[in-house]
Amino acid sequence: MVHEPIKILVLVGSLRRDSYNRALIRAAAQSVSAEISMETFDELRSLPFYDGDLEAAGNPALVADLRRAIAKADALLIATPEYNGETSGVLKNALDWASRGPDRILAGKPVAVMGTSTGGSGAQGGIESVVRILGRTRSEVLDHVLAVPFAARVFADDLTLTDPDVRAQVAALVAELAGRARRTAALAA
């Protein structure tokens, strides 16, 4: 039986083009089989700050694009940095916009969360804050998260993930997310 590819939408909480979290996503994309397609929503920096007045007037076009992309995806993969023990403001803002409205597009959506940092926490504070937010939105967050500490030790200067153990963990997380998304879709059918 041939299945449609699982569509995973990626949100990266770091704006820097050459961030370790973007490199972690590139490694995830390299690990996927033909049964999985990944697309990154790269416009987080351009989203307006959540504002109830803007929402009441009708979502701005970019917010509508984000919400449509999430709704069409079978699952979300989120890579978050850690800033002062929390996720980034841009990722929090995107999740705030996505959580609004009567259609609750995040409810029941399978989500995997990972992050990396240059320090020993592996972005654990950022990961925990994203998981906490998604718990409130009733998303299906995987129990397994991936925190990668000391990023400079596992990525080469060109931001290639060189650590085979971390590469295997990234691939396992994506495969687990795709499996959850496939089971969720089968239950909904």
Foldseek 3Di string as FASTA:
>chain_A
DDDAAAEEEEEELDLDPLDLLVLLVVLLCVLDDPSHDYDYPNCLVVADADDVVCVVVPPDPSLVVLLVSLLPGLAYEYEFAADPLAGHPSVVRNLVSNCDDDVLSQAAHEYAYAYADLADCLRVSHRVRVVVSSVVSNHNYDPDHYRHYNSPVQADPSSHGNDPVSSVVSSVRSVVSSVSSVVSVVVVD
